[in-house]
């Protein structure tokens, strides 16, 4: 799952070398954190969060195939943007 999110995030930004994706698996939920260069955060979030929601929808579909619950967080300078899918 981490590789999928990393691939998508790197394709969206101007500085793909500064994208980091961390996956933390718990008992009932997996947390995926995306961190970018500050100037690229808006490209991953998109207008009104549309790109972020699209990423979460793709992850939700992949997680459903594996019967898992995943949270995607986009970390920015002003804090995380969590969503449970």
PDB file of N, CA and C in Angstrom:
ATOM      1  N   UNK A   1       0.827  -1.186   0.000  1.00  0.00           N
ATOM      2  CA  UNK A   1       0.000   0.000   0.000  1.00  0.00           C
ATOM      3  C   UNK A   1       0.874   1.253   0.000  1.00  0.00           C
ATOM      4  N   UNK A   2       1.948   1.240   0.758  1.00  0.00           N
ATOM      5  CA  UNK A   2       2.839   2.381   0.845  1.00  0.00           C
ATOM      6  C   UNK A   2       3.425   2.721  -0.519  1.00  0.00           C
ATOM      7  N   UNK A   3       3.800   1.706  -1.272  1.00  0.00           N
ATOM      8  CA  UNK A   3       4.402   1.920  -2.580  1.00  0.00           C
ATOM      9  C   UNK A   3       3.423   2.605  -3.533  1.00  0.00           C
ATOM     10  N   UNK A   4       2.163   2.234  -3.460  1.00  0.00           N
ATOM     11  CA  UNK A   4       1.123   2.841  -4.296  1.00  0.00           C
ATOM     12  C   UNK A   4       0.993   4.331  -3.988  1.00  0.00           C
ATOM     13  N   UNK A   5       0.893   4.667  -2.715  1.00  0.00           N
ATOM     14  CA  UNK A   5       0.751   6.062  -2.307  1.00  0.00           C
ATOM     15  C   UNK A   5       2.004   6.854  -2.684  1.00  0.00           C
ATOM     16  N   UNK A   6       3.160   6.275  -2.490  1.00  0.00           N
ATOM     17  CA  UNK A   6       4.407   6.956  -2.821  1.00  0.00           C
ATOM     18  C   UNK A   6       4.492   7.231  -4.323  1.00  0.00           C
ATOM     19  N   UNK A   7       4.110   6.274  -5.136  1.00  0.00           N
ATOM     20  CA  UNK A   7       4.125   6.439  -6.592  1.00  0.00           C
ATOM     21  C   UNK A   7       3.212   7.589  -7.016  1.00  0.00           C
ATOM     22  N   UNK A   8       2.011   7.635  -6.471  1.00  0.00           N
ATOM     23  CA  UNK A   8       1.049   8.687  -6.813  1.00  0.00           C
ATOM     24  C   UNK A   8       1.568  10.052  -6.370  1.00  0.00           C
ATOM     25  N   UNK A   9       2.038  10.144  -5.133  1.00  0.00           N
ATOM     26  CA  UNK A   9       2.507  11.423  -4.598  1.00  0.00           C
ATOM     27  C   UNK A   9       3.702  11.953  -5.388  1.00  0.00           C
ATOM     28  N   UNK A  10       4.638  11.088  -5.724  1.00  0.00           N
ATOM     29  CA  UNK A  10       5.817  11.527  -6.471  1.00  0.00           C
ATOM     30  C   UNK A  10       5.453  11.998  -7.872  1.00  0.00           C
ATOM     31  N   UNK A  11       4.408  11.431  -8.452  1.00  0.00           N
ATOM     32  CA  UNK A  11       3.976  11.839  -9.789  1.00  0.00           C
ATOM     33  C   UNK A  11       3.329  13.230  -9.773  1.00  0.00           C
ATOM     34  N   UNK A  12       2.830  13.656  -8.631  1.00  0.00           N
ATOM     35  CA  UNK A  12       2.108  14.923  -8.531  1.00  0.00           C
ATOM     36  C   UNK A  12       2.990  16.135  -8.254  1.00  0.00           C
ATOM     37  N   UNK A  13       4.125  15.932  -7.625  1.00  0.00           N
ATOM     38  CA  UNK A  13       4.913  17.052  -7.100  1.00  0.00           C
ATOM     39  C   UNK A  13       6.066  17.452  -8.020  1.00  0.00           C
ATOM     40  N   UNK A  14       6.624  18.641  -7.759  1.00  0.00           N
ATOM     41  CA  UNK A  14       7.784  19.120  -8.507  1.00  0.00           C
ATOM     42  C   UNK A  14       9.090  18.556  -7.959  1.00  0.00           C
ATOM     43  N   UNK A  15       9.095  18.205  -6.664  1.00  0.00           N
ATOM     44  CA  UNK A  15      10.306  17.690  -6.019  1.00  0.00           C
ATOM     45  C   UNK A  15      10.052  16.281  -5.477  1.00  0.00           C
ATOM     46  N   UNK A  16      10.026  15.286  -6.373  1.00  0.00           N
ATOM     47  CA  UNK A  16       9.720  13.913  -5.922  1.00  0.00           C
ATOM     48  C   UNK A  16      10.759  13.335  -4.963  1.00  0.00           C
ATOM     49  N   UNK A  17      11.984  13.871  -4.998  1.00  0.00           N
ATOM     50  CA  UNK A  17      13.015  13.378  -4.092  1.00  0.00           C
ATOM     51  C   UNK A  17      12.731  13.743  -2.639  1.00  0.00           C
ATOM     52  N   UNK A  18      11.839  14.712  -2.407  1.00  0.00           N
ATOM     53  CA  UNK A  18      11.517  15.120  -1.039  1.00  0.00           C
ATOM     54  C   UNK A  18      10.207  14.520  -0.532  1.00  0.00           C
ATOM     55  N   UNK A  19       9.634  13.603  -1.280  1.00  0.00           N
ATOM     56  CA  UNK A  19       8.415  12.925  -0.831  1.00  0.00           C
ATOM     57  C   UNK A  19       8.815  11.755   0.046  1.00  0.00           C
ATOM     58  N   UNK A  20       8.195  11.672   1.213  1.00  0.00           N
ATOM     59  CA  UNK A  20       8.409  10.500   2.056  1.00  0.00           C
ATOM     60  C   UNK A  20       7.041   9.968   2.482  1.00  0.00           C
ATOM     61  N   UNK A  21       6.936   8.655   2.448  1.00  0.00           N
ATOM     62  CA  UNK A  21       5.690   8.002   2.822  1.00  0.00           C
ATOM     63  C   UNK A  21       6.022   6.974   3.891  1.00  0.00           C
ATOM     64  N   UNK A  22       5.331   7.084   5.013  1.00  0.00           N
ATOM     65  CA  UNK A  22       5.570   6.183   6.146  1.00  0.00           C
ATOM     66  C   UNK A  22       4.298   5.390   6.400  1.00  0.00           C
ATOM     67  N   UNK A  23       4.440   4.087   6.554  1.00  0.00           N
ATOM     68  CA  UNK A  23       3.295   3.224   6.831  1.00  0.00           C
ATOM     69  C   UNK A  23       3.473   2.597   8.210  1.00  0.00           C
ATOM     70  N   UNK A  24       2.450   2.764   9.044  1.00  0.00           N
ATOM     71  CA  UNK A  24       2.468   2.187  10.383  1.00  0.00           C
ATOM     72  C   UNK A  24       1.255   1.276  10.517  1.00  0.00           C
ATOM     73  N   UNK A  25       1.503   0.001  10.733  1.00  0.00           N
ATOM     74  CA  UNK A  25       0.413  -0.972  10.833  1.00  0.00           C
ATOM     75  C   UNK A  25       0.084  -1.246  12.290  1.00  0.00           C
ATOM     76  N   UNK A  26      -1.185  -1.123  12.625  1.00  0.00           N
ATOM     77  CA  UNK A  26      -1.673  -1.462  13.952  1.00  0.00           C
ATOM     78  C   UNK A  26      -2.515  -2.717  13.871  1.00  0.00           C
ATOM     79  N   UNK A  27      -3.180  -3.049  14.959  1.00  0.00           N
ATOM     80  CA  UNK A  27      -4.014  -4.246  14.978  1.00  0.00           C
ATOM     81  C   UNK A  27      -5.204  -4.136  14.031  1.00  0.00           C
ATOM     82  N   UNK A  28      -5.901  -3.003  14.075  1.00  0.00           N
ATOM     83  CA  UNK A  28      -7.115  -2.881  13.283  1.00  0.00           C
ATOM     84  C   UNK A  28      -7.027  -1.843  12.168  1.00  0.00           C
ATOM     85  N   UNK A  29      -5.966  -1.043  12.160  1.00  0.00           N
ATOM     86  CA  UNK A  29      -5.880   0.028  11.172  1.00  0.00           C
ATOM     87  C   UNK A  29      -4.426   0.265  10.777  1.00  0.00           C
ATOM     88  N   UNK A  30      -4.227   0.686   9.542  1.00  0.00           N
ATOM     89  CA  UNK A  30      -2.909   1.052   9.036  1.00  0.00           C
ATOM     90  C   UNK A  30      -2.920   2.548   8.759  1.00  0.00           C
ATOM     91  N   UNK A  31      -1.870   3.237   9.186  1.00  0.00           N
ATOM     92  CA  UNK A  31      -1.761   4.677   8.967  1.00  0.00           C
ATOM     93  C   UNK A  31      -0.671   4.920   7.932  1.00  0.00           C
ATOM     94  N   UNK A  32      -1.020   5.673   6.899  1.00  0.00           N
ATOM     95  CA  UNK A  32      -0.051   6.055   5.876  1.00  0.00           C
ATOM     96  C   UNK A  32       0.101   7.567   5.943  1.00  0.00           C
ATOM     97  N   UNK A  33       1.341   8.020   6.148  1.00  0.00           N
ATOM     98  CA  UNK A  33       1.633   9.450   6.246  1.00  0.00           C
ATOM     99  C   UNK A  33       2.426   9.888   5.024  1.00  0.00           C
ATOM    100  N   UNK A  34       1.963  10.954   4.382  1.00  0.00           N
ATOM    101  CA  UNK A  34       2.654  11.524   3.227  1.00  0.00           C
ATOM    102  C   UNK A  34       3.247  12.859   3.657  1.00  0.00           C
ATOM    103  N   UNK A  35       4.528  13.029   3.414  1.00  0.00           N
ATOM    104  CA  UNK A  35       5.188  14.307   3.713  1.00  0.00           C
ATOM    105  C   UNK A  35       5.903  14.758   2.436  1.00  0.00           C
ATOM    106  N   UNK A  36       5.713  16.045   2.090  1.00  0.00           N
ATOM    107  CA  UNK A  36       6.330  16.606   0.890  1.00  0.00           C
ATOM    108  C   UNK A  36       7.101  17.863   1.254  1.00  0.00           C
ATOM    109  N   UNK A  37       7.773  18.420   0.257  1.00  0.00           N
ATOM    110  CA  UNK A  37       8.367  19.743   0.429  1.00  0.00           C
ATOM    111  C   UNK A  37       7.216  20.717   0.656  1.00  0.00           C
ATOM    112  N   UNK A  38       7.402  21.754   1.475  1.00  0.00           N
ATOM    113  CA  UNK A  38       6.299  22.671   1.798  1.00  0.00           C
ATOM    114  C   UNK A  38       5.592  23.252   0.572  1.00  0.00           C
ATOM    115  N   UNK A  39       6.352  23.566  -0.478  1.00  0.00           N
ATOM    116  CA  UNK A  39       5.733  24.154  -1.672  1.00  0.00           C
ATOM    117  C   UNK A  39       4.948  23.141  -2.498  1.00  0.00           C
ATOM    118  N   UNK A  40       5.126  21.848  -2.238  1.00  0.00           N
ATOM    119  CA  UNK A  40       4.414  20.804  -2.979  1.00  0.00           C
ATOM    120  C   UNK A  40       3.172  20.281  -2.256  1.00  0.00           C
ATOM    121  N   UNK A  41       2.964  20.690  -1.017  1.00  0.00           N
ATOM    122  CA  UNK A  41       1.831  20.160  -0.240  1.00  0.00           C
ATOM    123  C   UNK A  41       0.503  20.437  -0.938  1.00  0.00           C
ATOM    124  N   UNK A  42       0.358  21.604  -1.516  1.00  0.00           N
ATOM    125  CA  UNK A  42      -0.882  21.949  -2.195  1.00  0.00           C
ATOM    126  C   UNK A  42      -1.154  21.086  -3.404  1.00  0.00           C
ATOM    127  N   UNK A  43      -0.115  20.598  -4.040  1.00  0.00           N
ATOM    128  CA  UNK A  43      -0.291  19.736  -5.209  1.00  0.00           C
ATOM    129  C   UNK A  43      -0.810  18.367  -4.815  1.00  0.00           C
ATOM    130  N   UNK A  44      -0.469  17.912  -3.631  1.00  0.00           N
ATOM    131  CA  UNK A  44      -0.961  16.617  -3.148  1.00  0.00           C
ATOM    132  C   UNK A  44      -2.368  16.761  -2.568  1.00  0.00           C
ATOM    133  N   UNK A  45      -2.665  17.923  -2.002  1.00  0.00           N
ATOM    134  CA  UNK A  45      -3.985  18.159  -1.411  1.00  0.00           C
ATOM    135  C   UNK A  45      -4.994  18.553  -2.489  1.00  0.00           C
ATOM    136  N   UNK A  46      -4.609  19.457  -3.379  1.00  0.00           N
ATOM    137  CA  UNK A  46      -5.492  19.886  -4.458  1.00  0.00           C
ATOM    138  C   UNK A  46      -6.515  20.907  -4.003  1.00  0.00           C
ATOM    139  N   UNK A  47      -7.230  21.486  -4.981  1.00  0.00           N
ATOM    140  CA  UNK A  47      -8.272  22.461  -4.662  1.00  0.00           C
ATOM    141  C   UNK A  47      -9.387  21.777  -3.892  1.00  0.00           C
ATOM    142  N   UNK A  48      -9.720  22.382  -2.758  1.00  0.00           N
ATOM    143  CA  UNK A  48     -10.765  21.862  -1.871  1.00  0.00           C
ATOM    144  C   UNK A  48     -10.517  20.401  -1.473  1.00  0.00           C
ATOM    145  N   UNK A  49      -9.252  19.968  -1.508  1.00  0.00           N
ATOM    146  CA  UNK A  49      -8.906  18.619  -1.076  1.00  0.00           C
ATOM    147  C   UNK A  49      -9.264  17.525  -2.063  1.00  0.00           C
ATOM    148  N   UNK A  50      -9.515  17.884  -3.302  1.00  0.00           N
ATOM    149  CA  UNK A  50      -9.974  16.893  -4.285  1.00  0.00           C
ATOM    150  C   UNK A  50      -8.924  15.828  -4.591  1.00  0.00           C
ATOM    151  N   UNK A  51      -7.675  16.229  -4.738  1.00  0.00           N
ATOM    152  CA  UNK A  51      -6.632  15.247  -5.031  1.00  0.00           C
ATOM    153  C   UNK A  51      -6.405  14.341  -3.824  1.00  0.00           C
ATOM    154  N   UNK A  52      -6.388  14.923  -2.630  1.00  0.00           N
ATOM    155  CA  UNK A  52      -6.235  14.128  -1.405  1.00  0.00           C
ATOM    156  C   UNK A  52      -7.375  13.121  -1.287  1.00  0.00           C
ATOM    157  N   UNK A  53      -8.594  13.551  -1.579  1.00  0.00           N
ATOM    158  CA  UNK A  53      -9.729  12.636  -1.512  1.00  0.00           C
ATOM    159  C   UNK A  53      -9.621  11.541  -2.565  1.00  0.00           C
ATOM    160  N   UNK A  54      -9.088  11.873  -3.723  1.00  0.00           N
ATOM    161  CA  UNK A  54      -8.891  10.865  -4.766  1.00  0.00           C
ATOM    162  C   UNK A  54      -7.862   9.825  -4.334  1.00  0.00           C
ATOM    163  N   UNK A  55      -6.779  10.289  -3.715  1.00  0.00           N
ATOM    164  CA  UNK A  55      -5.767   9.357  -3.202  1.00  0.00           C
ATOM    165  C   UNK A  55      -6.404   8.439  -2.170  1.00  0.00           C
ATOM    166  N   UNK A  56      -7.212   9.012  -1.282  1.00  0.00           N
ATOM    167  CA  UNK A  56      -7.868   8.219  -0.245  1.00  0.00           C
ATOM    168  C   UNK A  56      -8.842   7.208  -0.851  1.00  0.00           C
ATOM    169  N   UNK A  57      -9.520   7.586  -1.925  1.00  0.00           N
ATOM    170  CA  UNK A  57     -10.445   6.660  -2.591  1.00  0.00           C
ATOM    171  C   UNK A  57      -9.696   5.483  -3.196  1.00  0.00           C
ATOM    172  N   UNK A  58      -8.560   5.756  -3.827  1.00  0.00           N
ATOM    173  CA  UNK A  58      -7.746   4.677  -4.412  1.00  0.00           C
ATOM    174  C   UNK A  58      -7.241   3.750  -3.323  1.00  0.00           C
ATOM    175  N   UNK A  59      -6.768   4.335  -2.217  1.00  0.00           N
ATOM    176  CA  UNK A  59      -6.268   3.523  -1.103  1.00  0.00           C
ATOM    177  C   UNK A  59      -7.407   2.706  -0.492  1.00  0.00           C
ATOM    178  N   UNK A  60      -8.585   3.311  -0.387  1.00  0.00           N
ATOM    179  CA  UNK A  60      -9.743   2.601   0.152  1.00  0.00           C
ATOM    180  C   UNK A  60     -10.066   1.372  -0.696  1.00  0.00           C
ATOM    181  N   UNK A  61     -10.018   1.525  -2.014  1.00  0.00           N
ATOM    182  CA  UNK A  61     -10.295   0.397  -2.902  1.00  0.00           C
ATOM    183  C   UNK A  61      -9.248  -0.705  -2.743  1.00  0.00           C
ATOM    184  N   UNK A  62      -7.981  -0.317  -2.657  1.00  0.00           N
ATOM    185  CA  UNK A  62      -6.915  -1.304  -2.473  1.00  0.00           C
ATOM    186  C   UNK A  62      -7.026  -1.984  -1.114  1.00  0.00           C
ATOM    187  N   UNK A  63      -7.373  -1.209  -0.082  1.00  0.00           N
ATOM    188  CA  UNK A  63      -7.506  -1.774   1.266  1.00  0.00           C
ATOM    189  C   UNK A  63      -8.700  -2.715   1.350  1.00  0.00           C
ATOM    190  N   UNK A  64      -9.783  -2.390   0.655  1.00  0.00           N
ATOM    191  CA  UNK A  64     -10.980  -3.237   0.688  1.00  0.00           C
ATOM    192  C   UNK A  64     -10.689  -4.624   0.123  1.00  0.00           C
ATOM    193  N   UNK A  65      -9.842  -4.689  -0.881  1.00  0.00           N
ATOM    194  CA  UNK A  65      -9.467  -5.988  -1.453  1.00  0.00           C
ATOM    195  C   UNK A  65      -8.734  -6.857  -0.431  1.00  0.00           C
ATOM    196  N   UNK A  66      -8.065  -6.205   0.518  1.00  0.00           N
ATOM    197  CA  UNK A  66      -7.302  -6.931   1.533  1.00  0.00           C
ATOM    198  C   UNK A  66      -8.026  -6.965   2.875  1.00  0.00           C
ATOM    199  N   UNK A  67      -9.278  -6.511   2.900  1.00  0.00           N
ATOM    200  CA  UNK A  67     -10.080  -6.454   4.128  1.00  0.00           C
ATOM    201  C   UNK A  67      -9.358  -5.703   5.239  1.00  0.00           C
ATOM    202  N   UNK A  68      -8.808  -4.538   4.901  1.00  0.00           N
ATOM    203  CA  UNK A  68      -8.082  -3.722   5.868  1.00  0.00           C
ATOM    204  C   UNK A  68      -8.719  -2.347   5.961  1.00  0.00           C
ATOM    205  N   UNK A  69      -8.394  -1.629   7.020  1.00  0.00           N
ATOM    206  CA  UNK A  69      -8.813  -0.244   7.216  1.00  0.00           C
ATOM    207  C   UNK A  69      -7.549   0.611   7.207  1.00  0.00           C
ATOM    208  N   UNK A  70      -7.583   1.671   6.408  1.00  0.00           N
ATOM    209  CA  UNK A  70      -6.393   2.494   6.224  1.00  0.00           C
ATOM    210  C   UNK A  70      -6.745   3.955   6.438  1.00  0.00           C
ATOM    211  N   UNK A  71      -5.859   4.671   7.115  1.00  0.00           N
ATOM    212  CA  UNK A  71      -5.966   6.116   7.278  1.00  0.00           C
ATOM    213  C   UNK A  71      -4.824   6.754   6.507  1.00  0.00           C
ATOM    214  N   UNK A  72      -5.150   7.758   5.682  1.00  0.00           N
ATOM    215  CA  UNK A  72      -4.128   8.491   4.944  1.00  0.00           C
ATOM    216  C   UNK A  72      -4.033   9.884   5.538  1.00  0.00           C
ATOM    217  N   UNK A  73      -2.829  10.280   5.927  1.00  0.00           N
ATOM    218  CA  UNK A  73      -2.591  11.609   6.477  1.00  0.00           C
ATOM    219  C   UNK A  73      -1.588  12.324   5.601  1.00  0.00           C
ATOM    220  N   UNK A  74      -1.918  13.551   5.222  1.00  0.00           N
ATOM    221  CA  UNK A  74      -0.994  14.384   4.469  1.00  0.00           C
ATOM    222  C   UNK A  74      -0.441  15.403   5.454  1.00  0.00           C
ATOM    223  N   UNK A  75       0.826  15.285   5.758  1.00  0.00           N
ATOM    224  CA  UNK A  75       1.452  16.135   6.762  1.00  0.00           C
ATOM    225  C   UNK A  75       1.972  17.411   6.116  1.00  0.00           C
ATOM    226  N   UNK A  76       1.537  18.543   6.668  1.00  0.00           N
ATOM    227  CA  UNK A  76       1.980  19.838   6.173  1.00  0.00           C
ATOM    228  C   UNK A  76       2.538  20.628   7.348  1.00  0.00           C
ATOM    229  N   UNK A  77       3.005  21.833   7.070  1.00  0.00           N
ATOM    230  CA  UNK A  77       3.564  22.675   8.135  1.00  0.00           C
ATOM    231  C   UNK A  77       2.514  23.056   9.168  1.00  0.00           C
ATOM    232  N   UNK A  78       1.232  23.103   8.743  1.00  0.00           N
ATOM    233  CA  UNK A  78       0.181  23.480   9.691  1.00  0.00           C
ATOM    234  C   UNK A  78      -0.557  22.280  10.280  1.00  0.00           C
ATOM    235  N   UNK A  79       0.007  21.080  10.177  1.00  0.00           N
ATOM    236  CA  UNK A  79      -0.553  19.907  10.822  1.00  0.00           C
ATOM    237  C   UNK A  79      -1.089  18.884   9.837  1.00  0.00           C
ATOM    238  N   UNK A  80      -1.470  17.686  10.331  1.00  0.00           N
ATOM    239  CA  UNK A  80      -1.935  16.609   9.457  1.00  0.00           C
ATOM    240  C   UNK A  80      -3.367  16.830   8.965  1.00  0.00           C
ATOM    241  N   UNK A  81      -3.688  16.188   7.869  1.00  0.00           N
ATOM    242  CA  UNK A  81      -5.030  16.196   7.304  1.00  0.00           C
ATOM    243  C   UNK A  81      -5.510  14.745   7.265  1.00  0.00           C
ATOM    244  N   UNK A  82      -6.026  14.216   8.383  1.00  0.00           N
ATOM    245  CA  UNK A  82      -6.376  12.797   8.450  1.00  0.00           C
ATOM    246  C   UNK A  82      -7.716  12.483   7.800  1.00  0.00           C
ATOM    247  N   UNK A  83      -7.830  11.244   7.378  1.00  0.00           N
ATOM    248  CA  UNK A  83      -9.106  10.734   6.871  1.00  0.00           C
ATOM    249  C   UNK A  83      -9.068   9.229   7.003  1.00  0.00           C
ATOM    250  N   UNK A  84     -10.109   8.645   7.530  1.00  0.00           N
ATOM    251  CA  UNK A  84     -10.201   7.198   7.637  1.00  0.00           C
ATOM    252  C   UNK A  84     -10.985   6.691   6.439  1.00  0.00           C
ATOM    253  N   UNK A  85     -10.400   5.710   5.767  1.00  0.00           N
ATOM    254  CA  UNK A  85     -11.091   5.109   4.629  1.00  0.00           C
ATOM    255  C   UNK A  85     -11.271   3.637   4.866  1.00  0.00           C
TER     256      UNK A  85
END
